[in-house]
Amino acid sequence: MNLAEKSLRSLVDKWFAPNPATPVRITRFSRTRLHQRRYVCVETWRPTGPLAIFFFQHDDGSWCVFPPEASAQQPH
């Protein structure tokens, strides 16, 4: 997998296509409680209302719109 294609910036560009007329902003960022994995919530305003998407960082450093699966080595 090409990590450049799974960078947070590339995913925000893919899902939101930001431009001066429809800027995006980070509204929340932190780590998950259980496994301390990073997540970011990005939001924009569309004519139909707000659009917010959570992005989750995976163990390989890539970002996805779904959380990583819990590994058997990590405590639950």
C-alpha atoms as a PDB file:
ATOM      1  CA  MET A   1       0.000   0.000   0.000  1.00  0.00           C
ATOM      2  CA  ASN A   2       1.285   3.450  -0.887  1.00  0.00           C
ATOM      3  CA  LEU A   3       1.128   5.462   2.358  1.00  0.00           C
ATOM      4  CA  ALA A   4       0.923   8.722   0.394  1.00  0.00           C
ATOM      5  CA  GLU A   5      -2.467   7.525  -0.854  1.00  0.00           C
ATOM      6  CA  LYS A   6      -3.567   6.906   2.739  1.00  0.00           C
ATOM      7  CA  SER A   7      -2.295  10.146   4.261  1.00  0.00           C
ATOM      8  CA  LEU A   8      -4.810  12.234   6.157  1.00  0.00           C
ATOM      9  CA  ARG A   9      -4.410  15.052   3.638  1.00  0.00           C
ATOM     10  CA  SER A  10      -5.094  12.802   0.649  1.00  0.00           C
ATOM     11  CA  LEU A  11      -8.212  11.361   2.290  1.00  0.00           C
ATOM     12  CA  VAL A  12      -9.540  14.811   3.184  1.00  0.00           C
ATOM     13  CA  ASP A  13      -8.976  15.854  -0.436  1.00  0.00           C
ATOM     14  CA  LYS A  14     -10.728  12.706  -1.669  1.00  0.00           C
ATOM     15  CA  TRP A  15     -13.780  12.892   0.610  1.00  0.00           C
ATOM     16  CA  PHE A  16     -14.257  16.668   0.826  1.00  0.00           C
ATOM     17  CA  ALA A  17     -12.565  18.226  -2.251  1.00  0.00           C
ATOM     18  CA  PRO A  18     -11.925  21.398  -0.233  1.00  0.00           C
ATOM     19  CA  ASN A  19     -11.664  24.759  -1.957  1.00  0.00           C
ATOM     20  CA  PRO A  20     -12.073  28.403  -0.910  1.00  0.00           C
ATOM     21  CA  ALA A  21     -15.857  28.134  -1.283  1.00  0.00           C
ATOM     22  CA  THR A  22     -16.093  24.956   0.837  1.00  0.00           C
ATOM     23  CA  PRO A  23     -13.262  24.975   3.370  1.00  0.00           C
ATOM     24  CA  VAL A  24     -12.791  22.155   5.860  1.00  0.00           C
ATOM     25  CA  ARG A  25     -11.789  22.321   9.498  1.00  0.00           C
ATOM     26  CA  ILE A  26     -10.692  19.901  12.151  1.00  0.00           C
ATOM     27  CA  THR A  27     -13.358  19.902  14.840  1.00  0.00           C
ATOM     28  CA  ARG A  28     -11.984  17.186  17.086  1.00  0.00           C
ATOM     29  CA  PHE A  29      -8.825  15.154  17.514  1.00  0.00           C
ATOM     30  CA  SER A  30      -7.655  12.832  20.225  1.00  0.00           C
ATOM     31  CA  ARG A  31      -6.880   9.198  20.922  1.00  0.00           C
ATOM     32  CA  THR A  32      -9.289   6.323  21.431  1.00  0.00           C
ATOM     33  CA  ARG A  33      -9.774   5.221  25.022  1.00  0.00           C
ATOM     34  CA  LEU A  34      -9.018   1.548  24.597  1.00  0.00           C
ATOM     35  CA  HIS A  35      -5.956   1.461  22.388  1.00  0.00           C
ATOM     36  CA  GLN A  36      -4.788   5.079  22.334  1.00  0.00           C
ATOM     37  CA  ARG A  37      -5.060   5.243  18.549  1.00  0.00           C
ATOM     38  CA  ARG A  38      -5.323   8.662  16.951  1.00  0.00           C
ATOM     39  CA  TYR A  39      -8.481   9.953  15.341  1.00  0.00           C
ATOM     40  CA  VAL A  40      -9.483  13.238  13.718  1.00  0.00           C
ATOM     41  CA  CYS A  41     -12.917  14.622  12.893  1.00  0.00           C
ATOM     42  CA  VAL A  42     -12.983  16.862   9.820  1.00  0.00           C
ATOM     43  CA  GLU A  43     -16.043  18.962   8.990  1.00  0.00           C
ATOM     44  CA  THR A  44     -17.340  21.199   6.243  1.00  0.00           C
ATOM     45  CA  TRP A  45     -20.619  22.909   5.493  1.00  0.00           C
ATOM     46  CA  ARG A  46     -22.593  21.913   2.396  1.00  0.00           C
ATOM     47  CA  PRO A  47     -25.853  23.414   1.077  1.00  0.00           C
ATOM     48  CA  THR A  48     -27.630  20.406   2.594  1.00  0.00           C
ATOM     49  CA  GLY A  49     -26.010  20.934   5.994  1.00  0.00           C
ATOM     50  CA  PRO A  50     -22.843  19.967   7.834  1.00  0.00           C
ATOM     51  CA  LEU A  51     -20.723  17.008   6.751  1.00  0.00           C
ATOM     52  CA  ALA A  52     -18.349  15.475   9.299  1.00  0.00           C
ATOM     53  CA  ILE A  53     -16.135  12.432   8.837  1.00  0.00           C
ATOM     54  CA  PHE A  54     -13.919  10.704  11.390  1.00  0.00           C
ATOM     55  CA  PHE A  55     -10.537   9.440  10.198  1.00  0.00           C
ATOM     56  CA  PHE A  56      -8.572   6.825  12.172  1.00  0.00           C
ATOM     57  CA  GLN A  57      -4.840   6.220  12.110  1.00  0.00           C
ATOM     58  CA  HIS A  58      -3.763   2.608  11.653  1.00  0.00           C
ATOM     59  CA  ASP A  59      -0.634   0.874  12.963  1.00  0.00           C
ATOM     60  CA  ASP A  60       1.199   1.318   9.651  1.00  0.00           C
ATOM     61  CA  GLY A  61       0.699   5.093   9.831  1.00  0.00           C
ATOM     62  CA  SER A  62      -2.061   5.205   7.221  1.00  0.00           C
ATOM     63  CA  TRP A  63      -5.408   6.901   7.816  1.00  0.00           C
ATOM     64  CA  CYS A  64      -8.822   5.397   7.000  1.00  0.00           C
ATOM     65  CA  VAL A  65     -12.495   6.183   7.538  1.00  0.00           C
ATOM     66  CA  PHE A  66     -12.846   3.000   9.593  1.00  0.00           C
ATOM     67  CA  PRO A  67     -11.073   2.215  12.873  1.00  0.00           C
ATOM     68  CA  PRO A  68      -8.322  -0.399  12.929  1.00  0.00           C
ATOM     69  CA  GLU A  69      -9.174  -3.842  14.175  1.00  0.00           C
ATOM     70  CA  ALA A  70      -8.052  -4.638  17.690  1.00  0.00           C
ATOM     71  CA  SER A  71      -4.949  -6.784  17.692  1.00  0.00           C
ATOM     72  CA  ALA A  72      -4.765  -9.886  19.880  1.00  0.00           C
ATOM     73  CA  GLN A  73      -1.615  -8.502  21.540  1.00  0.00           C
ATOM     74  CA  GLN A  74      -3.291  -5.383  22.855  1.00  0.00           C
ATOM     75  CA  PRO A  75      -5.288  -5.438  26.099  1.00  0.00           C
ATOM     76  CA  HIS A  76      -9.037  -4.876  25.819  1.00  0.00           C
END
